[in-house]
């Protein structure tokens, strides 16, 4: 009898848990939405920010900025549903969209209580001639097609940019950064995420605390890379180069110009250059090896851990150093 009673109580507890979970799921979110179409007469200066919501920006009509705001609020059985509903309807009625001519600001809400436990995601269609500043707390960003400067930052969200025509400055604390196709200079930094950039038609400056950095460069521009513990893979470099990494491997290929300076504390370094390009070499490693198949004119003494020499006409300076990794020049 006692066993049956315990079994009954156990089943009752499970049923209550399932019911509360289902009820919690049904009570998960309250949503709202607003739309605005703003008329503009020339290049747009756009500033958009949000907390945990996402931001997407793409190009459209040259004379309008179209704004869609998606409002969401998570709630549980202990939430004040009426209060949540009231605050969402207040945002719908008076959305955070301010326009002064071609200067537009979206997402600035002074009343913190109004947005408590509420997120707003923005879907924007803008003219190509738009200068953008965007910021999220933990939301992701996707930006494409802008011809003017882009500044995008996030606390922990991912940032993806494509087909931009001017300088890009982007940073995130723990998210990844992806850049595909830009004609301008790129500045990218992340605390613990990866940086992947392809089709870069200008200079490239990147830093990461513990993520990997990848670059495909398609036009001339200086390259500057810092990575604490990630790997670095750079292709098609056409400019001066500086690479600093603490524990990651480094692979570089391209057309050397100016000075290439590569340093790694415990990673290997591999460099690929055109077969006919000359260079002056200064290579050093503490406990690794230095290898090349090129016929160098050696300067000074020959050592397993240090090699100074010249290949061809010495068109640029190549400085390579590593503490415990190997150096290979192809």
Protein backbone atom coordinates (compact mmCIF):
# COMPACT_ATOMS: atom_id res chain seq x y z
CA UNK A 1 0.00 0.00 0.00
CA UNK A 2 2.79 2.43 0.90
CA UNK A 3 4.60 1.54 -2.32
CA UNK A 4 1.49 2.26 -4.37
CA UNK A 5 1.00 5.59 -2.57
CA UNK A 6 4.61 6.64 -3.24
CA UNK A 7 4.22 5.61 -6.88
CA UNK A 8 1.00 7.63 -7.16
CA UNK A 9 2.62 10.71 -5.62
CA UNK A 10 5.61 10.35 -7.95
CA UNK A 11 3.39 10.20 -11.01
CA UNK A 12 1.44 13.19 -9.74
CA UNK A 13 4.66 15.19 -9.36
CA UNK A 14 5.76 14.30 -12.88
CA UNK A 15 2.37 15.31 -14.27
CA UNK A 16 2.55 18.62 -12.43
CA UNK A 17 6.05 19.26 -13.80
CA UNK A 18 4.95 18.50 -17.36
CA UNK A 19 1.91 20.74 -17.01
CA UNK A 20 3.92 23.62 -15.59
CA UNK A 21 6.52 23.25 -18.33
CA UNK A 22 3.86 23.32 -21.03
CA UNK A 23 2.18 26.29 -19.40
CA UNK A 24 5.54 28.03 -19.14
CA UNK A 25 6.16 27.41 -22.82
CA UNK A 26 2.76 28.87 -23.73
CA UNK A 27 3.56 31.88 -21.57
CA UNK A 28 7.04 32.26 -23.00
CA UNK A 29 6.77 35.45 -25.02
CA UNK A 30 4.68 38.51 -25.65
CA UNK A 31 5.37 40.09 -29.02
CA UNK A 32 4.83 43.40 -30.75
CA UNK A 33 5.80 45.05 -34.00
CA UNK A 34 6.10 48.46 -35.60
CA UNK A 35 7.00 49.78 -39.05
CA UNK A 36 8.11 53.18 -40.28
CA UNK A 37 9.09 54.48 -43.71
CA UNK A 38 11.29 57.59 -43.65
CA UNK A 39 11.90 59.78 -46.69
CA UNK A 40 15.48 60.95 -47.33
CA UNK A 41 17.06 63.15 -50.00
CA UNK A 42 20.71 62.12 -50.07
CA UNK A 43 23.40 60.16 -48.19
CA UNK A 44 22.06 58.87 -44.88
CA UNK A 45 23.75 58.99 -41.47
CA UNK A 46 22.21 56.09 -39.50
CA UNK A 47 22.73 55.17 -35.85
CA UNK A 48 20.98 52.03 -34.53
CA UNK A 49 21.36 50.25 -31.19
CA UNK A 50 19.65 47.49 -29.23
CA UNK A 51 20.32 45.21 -26.28
CA UNK A 52 19.59 41.52 -26.87
CA UNK A 53 17.84 41.97 -30.19
CA UNK A 54 19.37 41.46 -33.63
CA UNK A 55 20.08 44.04 -36.34
CA UNK A 56 19.86 43.35 -40.07
CA UNK A 57 20.63 45.99 -42.69
CA UNK A 58 20.31 45.65 -46.46
CA UNK A 59 20.02 48.11 -49.31
CA UNK A 60 16.93 49.17 -51.21
CA UNK A 61 15.35 52.39 -52.48
CA UNK A 62 17.67 55.41 -52.66
CA UNK A 63 15.04 57.78 -51.20
CA UNK A 64 13.63 55.87 -48.22
CA UNK A 65 14.67 54.13 -45.02
CA UNK A 66 12.27 51.36 -44.05
CA UNK A 67 12.28 50.27 -40.40
CA UNK A 68 10.69 47.15 -38.96
CA UNK A 69 10.92 46.61 -35.22
CA UNK A 70 10.20 43.20 -33.67
CA UNK A 71 9.49 43.43 -29.93
CA UNK A 72 9.73 40.38 -27.68
CA UNK A 73 9.56 39.78 -23.97
CA UNK A 74 10.21 36.57 -22.12
CA UNK A 75 7.98 35.90 -19.17
CA UNK A 76 7.20 33.14 -16.72
CA UNK A 77 4.32 32.28 -14.42
CA UNK A 78 5.42 34.96 -11.99
CA UNK A 79 5.58 37.81 -14.52
CA UNK A 80 3.10 40.65 -14.54
CA UNK A 81 1.51 39.96 -17.90
CA UNK A 82 -0.50 43.16 -17.91
CA UNK A 83 2.63 45.24 -17.27
CA UNK A 84 4.56 43.50 -20.05
CA UNK A 85 1.68 44.00 -22.46
CA UNK A 86 1.37 47.65 -21.50
CA UNK A 87 5.06 48.40 -22.05
CA UNK A 88 5.16 46.63 -25.42
CA UNK A 89 2.10 48.53 -26.62
CA UNK A 90 3.73 51.78 -25.47
CA UNK A 91 6.81 51.02 -27.59
CA UNK A 92 4.60 50.17 -30.57
CA UNK A 93 2.76 53.46 -30.21
CA UNK A 94 5.92 55.52 -29.85
CA UNK A 95 8.84 53.58 -31.38
CA UNK A 96 12.42 54.76 -30.81
CA UNK A 97 12.89 56.19 -34.31
CA UNK A 98 14.08 59.79 -34.63
CA UNK A 99 14.74 61.61 -37.90
CA UNK A 100 16.34 64.99 -38.55
CA UNK A 101 16.62 65.26 -42.31
CA UNK A 102 19.03 62.55 -43.44
CA UNK A 103 20.24 61.88 -39.89
CA UNK A 104 18.37 58.97 -38.32
CA UNK A 105 18.69 57.44 -34.85
CA UNK A 106 16.99 54.18 -33.95
CA UNK A 107 16.81 52.33 -30.65
CA UNK A 108 17.65 55.04 -28.14
CA UNK A 109 15.22 54.68 -25.21
CA UNK A 110 15.92 56.75 -22.12
CA UNK A 111 13.39 54.95 -19.88
CA UNK A 112 15.21 51.75 -18.83
CA UNK A 113 12.09 50.48 -17.07
CA UNK A 114 10.19 50.53 -20.35
CA UNK A 115 12.55 47.98 -21.90
CA UNK A 116 13.09 45.78 -18.83
CA UNK A 117 13.14 42.13 -20.01
CA UNK A 118 12.20 43.30 -23.48
CA UNK A 119 14.26 42.96 -26.65
CA UNK A 120 13.81 44.83 -29.93
CA UNK A 121 15.22 43.48 -33.18
CA UNK A 122 15.53 45.80 -36.17
CA UNK A 123 15.18 44.95 -39.85
CA UNK A 124 16.31 47.92 -41.93
CA UNK A 125 16.22 48.59 -45.67
CA UNK A 126 18.32 51.65 -46.48
CA UNK A 127 19.92 53.47 -49.44
CA UNK A 128 23.34 52.17 -50.48
CA UNK A 129 24.73 55.62 -49.68
CA UNK A 130 24.32 55.12 -45.93
CA UNK A 131 26.92 55.61 -43.21
CA UNK A 132 26.11 53.16 -40.42
CA UNK A 133 26.90 52.95 -36.73
CA UNK A 134 25.31 49.88 -35.11
CA UNK A 135 25.57 48.33 -31.66
CA UNK A 136 24.04 45.35 -29.87
CA UNK A 137 24.52 43.96 -26.39
CA UNK A 138 24.16 40.26 -27.18
CA UNK A 139 22.30 40.22 -30.47
CA UNK A 140 23.73 39.34 -33.88
CA UNK A 141 24.19 41.71 -36.80
CA UNK A 142 24.02 41.16 -40.56
CA UNK A 143 24.94 44.11 -42.79
CA UNK A 144 25.23 44.08 -46.57
CA UNK A 145 25.59 46.36 -49.55
CA UNK A 146 26.51 49.68 -47.93
CA UNK A 147 28.75 51.97 -49.97
CA UNK A 148 29.80 54.19 -47.07
CA UNK A 149 31.62 53.66 -43.79
CA UNK A 150 30.36 51.00 -41.37
CA UNK A 151 31.02 50.87 -37.61
CA UNK A 152 29.48 47.78 -35.99
CA UNK A 153 30.02 46.53 -32.43
CA UNK A 154 28.53 43.93 -30.10
CA UNK A 155 29.11 42.67 -26.59
CA UNK A 156 28.67 38.97 -27.35
CA UNK A 157 26.89 38.71 -30.67
CA UNK A 158 28.19 37.66 -34.08
CA UNK A 159 28.72 40.25 -36.82
CA UNK A 160 28.52 39.49 -40.55
CA UNK A 161 29.25 42.09 -43.22
CA UNK A 162 29.23 41.70 -46.99
CA UNK A 163 29.74 43.81 -50.12
CA UNK A 164 30.66 47.09 -48.45
CA UNK A 165 32.39 49.94 -50.24
CA UNK A 166 34.25 51.93 -47.61
CA UNK A 167 36.11 51.57 -44.31
CA UNK A 168 34.79 48.91 -41.93
CA UNK A 169 35.34 49.04 -38.18
CA UNK A 170 33.86 46.14 -36.26
CA UNK A 171 34.35 44.63 -32.81
CA UNK A 172 32.73 42.06 -30.55
CA UNK A 173 33.55 40.73 -27.10
CA UNK A 174 32.93 37.02 -27.57
CA UNK A 175 31.27 36.66 -30.96
CA UNK A 176 32.61 35.83 -34.40
CA UNK A 177 33.21 38.34 -37.20
CA UNK A 178 32.69 37.51 -40.87
CA UNK A 179 33.51 39.95 -43.67
CA UNK A 180 32.96 39.11 -47.34
CA UNK A 181 33.84 41.58 -50.05
CA UNK A 182 34.83 45.13 -49.14
CA UNK A 183 36.64 47.84 -51.06
CA UNK A 184 37.79 49.72 -47.98
CA UNK A 185 40.17 49.29 -45.08
CA UNK A 186 39.08 46.79 -42.41
CA UNK A 187 39.58 47.10 -38.64
CA UNK A 188 38.26 44.01 -36.81
CA UNK A 189 38.70 42.86 -33.22
CA UNK A 190 37.18 40.19 -30.99
CA UNK A 191 37.92 38.94 -27.50
CA UNK A 192 37.36 35.22 -27.98
CA UNK A 193 35.79 34.78 -31.40
CA UNK A 194 37.08 34.05 -34.88
CA UNK A 195 37.64 36.61 -37.63
CA UNK A 196 37.15 35.48 -41.23
CA UNK A 197 37.63 37.99 -44.03
CA UNK A 198 37.56 37.32 -47.78
CA UNK A 199 37.56 39.54 -50.84
CA UNK A 200 39.25 42.38 -48.95
CA UNK A 201 40.24 45.16 -51.33
CA UNK A 202 42.21 47.31 -48.89
CA UNK A 203 44.25 47.24 -45.70
CA UNK A 204 43.44 44.82 -42.89
CA UNK A 205 44.00 45.27 -39.16
CA UNK A 206 42.73 42.47 -36.90
CA UNK A 207 43.13 41.26 -33.32
CA UNK A 208 41.70 38.33 -31.37
CA UNK A 209 42.24 37.09 -27.84
CA UNK A 210 41.67 33.38 -28.44
CA UNK A 211 40.15 33.04 -31.89
CA UNK A 212 41.48 32.26 -35.35
CA UNK A 213 42.09 34.93 -37.97
CA UNK A 214 41.70 34.26 -41.70
CA UNK A 215 42.22 36.73 -44.54
CA UNK A 216 41.96 36.65 -48.31
CA UNK A 217 43.20 39.97 -49.72
CA UNK A 218 42.40 40.95 -53.31
CA UNK A 219 44.08 44.37 -53.60
CA UNK A 220 47.00 46.28 -52.11
CA UNK A 221 46.89 47.29 -48.47
CA UNK A 222 48.94 46.93 -45.30
CA UNK A 223 48.12 43.98 -43.03
CA UNK A 224 48.50 44.02 -39.23
CA UNK A 225 47.40 41.01 -37.14
CA UNK A 226 47.54 40.17 -33.41
CA UNK A 227 46.34 36.87 -31.95
CA UNK A 228 46.93 35.56 -28.43
CA UNK A 229 46.20 31.86 -28.96
CA UNK A 230 44.56 31.36 -32.32
CA UNK A 231 45.92 30.37 -35.71
CA UNK A 232 46.56 32.96 -38.42
CA UNK A 233 46.02 32.19 -42.11
CA UNK A 234 46.62 35.03 -44.58
CA UNK A 235 46.29 34.62 -48.35
CA UNK A 236 47.07 37.00 -51.19
CA UNK A 237 48.81 39.62 -49.05
CA UNK A 238 49.76 42.68 -51.14
CA UNK A 239 51.44 45.17 -48.83
CA UNK A 240 53.55 45.48 -45.72
CA UNK A 241 52.82 42.87 -43.06
CA UNK A 242 53.07 42.50 -39.30
CA UNK A 243 51.91 39.36 -37.48
CA UNK A 244 52.17 38.74 -33.73
CA UNK A 245 50.84 35.57 -32.10
CA UNK A 246 51.51 33.93 -28.74
CA UNK A 247 50.71 30.25 -29.32
CA UNK A 248 49.13 29.83 -32.73
CA UNK A 249 50.56 28.73 -36.07
CA UNK A 250 50.97 31.30 -38.85
CA UNK A 251 50.58 30.66 -42.58
CA UNK A 252 51.08 33.50 -45.07
CA UNK A 253 51.30 33.76 -48.83
CA UNK A 254 51.36 36.77 -51.11
CA UNK A 255 53.50 39.36 -52.86
CA UNK A 256 55.94 40.90 -50.41
CA UNK A 257 56.17 44.69 -50.15
CA UNK A 258 57.95 46.97 -47.70
CA UNK A 259 58.63 44.90 -44.59
CA UNK A 260 57.11 41.61 -43.51
CA UNK A 261 57.60 41.03 -39.79
CA UNK A 262 56.25 37.82 -38.24
CA UNK A 263 56.63 36.73 -34.60
CA UNK A 264 55.27 33.71 -32.76
CA UNK A 265 56.05 32.51 -29.24
CA UNK A 266 55.23 28.82 -29.67
CA UNK A 267 53.70 28.38 -33.10
CA UNK A 268 55.14 27.43 -36.47
CA UNK A 269 55.48 29.99 -39.27
CA UNK A 270 55.15 29.09 -42.95
CA UNK A 271 55.60 31.68 -45.70
CA UNK A 272 54.82 31.31 -49.39
CA UNK A 273 56.19 33.78 -51.97
CA UNK A 274 56.33 33.92 -55.78
CA UNK A 275 59.30 31.91 -57.02
CA UNK A 276 60.96 34.90 -58.70
CA UNK A 277 60.49 37.43 -55.90
CA UNK A 278 63.64 38.43 -54.07
CA UNK A 279 63.90 39.30 -50.39
CA UNK A 280 66.32 40.05 -47.58
CA UNK A 281 65.88 37.48 -44.81
CA UNK A 282 66.33 37.79 -41.05
CA UNK A 283 65.10 34.54 -39.45
CA UNK A 284 65.53 33.38 -35.85
CA UNK A 285 64.16 30.61 -33.66
CA UNK A 286 65.16 29.55 -30.14
CA UNK A 287 64.34 25.84 -30.20
CA UNK A 288 62.83 25.25 -33.64
CA UNK A 289 64.31 24.89 -37.12
CA UNK A 290 64.56 27.11 -40.22
CA UNK A 291 63.94 25.56 -43.63
CA UNK A 292 63.88 26.90 -47.20
CA UNK A 293 64.63 25.46 -50.65
CA UNK A 294 65.69 28.86 -51.98
CA UNK A 295 69.32 29.43 -52.87
CA UNK A 296 70.24 32.24 -50.51
CA UNK A 297 73.33 34.37 -50.40
CA UNK A 298 74.07 33.83 -46.73
CA UNK A 299 75.26 36.72 -44.61
CA UNK A 300 77.23 35.83 -41.48
CA UNK A 301 77.51 32.36 -39.97
CA UNK A 302 75.11 29.48 -40.66
CA UNK A 303 73.11 28.09 -37.72
CA UNK A 304 70.16 25.75 -37.24
CA UNK A 305 68.39 28.50 -35.31
CA UNK A 306 69.35 31.64 -37.21
CA UNK A 307 69.60 32.50 -40.88
CA UNK A 308 70.42 35.85 -42.46
CA UNK A 309 70.68 36.13 -46.20
CA UNK A 310 69.48 37.48 -49.50
CA UNK A 311 67.47 35.92 -52.28
CA UNK A 312 67.46 37.51 -55.73
CA UNK A 313 67.49 41.30 -55.72
CA UNK A 314 66.20 41.62 -52.17
CA UNK A 315 62.95 43.36 -53.08
CA UNK A 316 61.59 43.51 -49.52
CA UNK A 317 62.66 42.75 -45.95
CA UNK A 318 61.42 39.50 -44.38
CA UNK A 319 61.88 39.26 -40.61
CA UNK A 320 60.73 36.04 -38.94
CA UNK A 321 61.14 34.92 -35.34
CA UNK A 322 59.69 32.22 -33.12
CA UNK A 323 60.60 30.85 -29.70
CA UNK A 324 59.67 27.17 -29.95
CA UNK A 325 58.20 26.80 -33.42
CA UNK A 326 59.67 26.05 -36.84
CA UNK A 327 60.09 28.46 -39.76
CA UNK A 328 59.52 27.38 -43.37
CA UNK A 329 59.87 29.63 -46.44
CA UNK A 330 58.50 28.24 -49.72
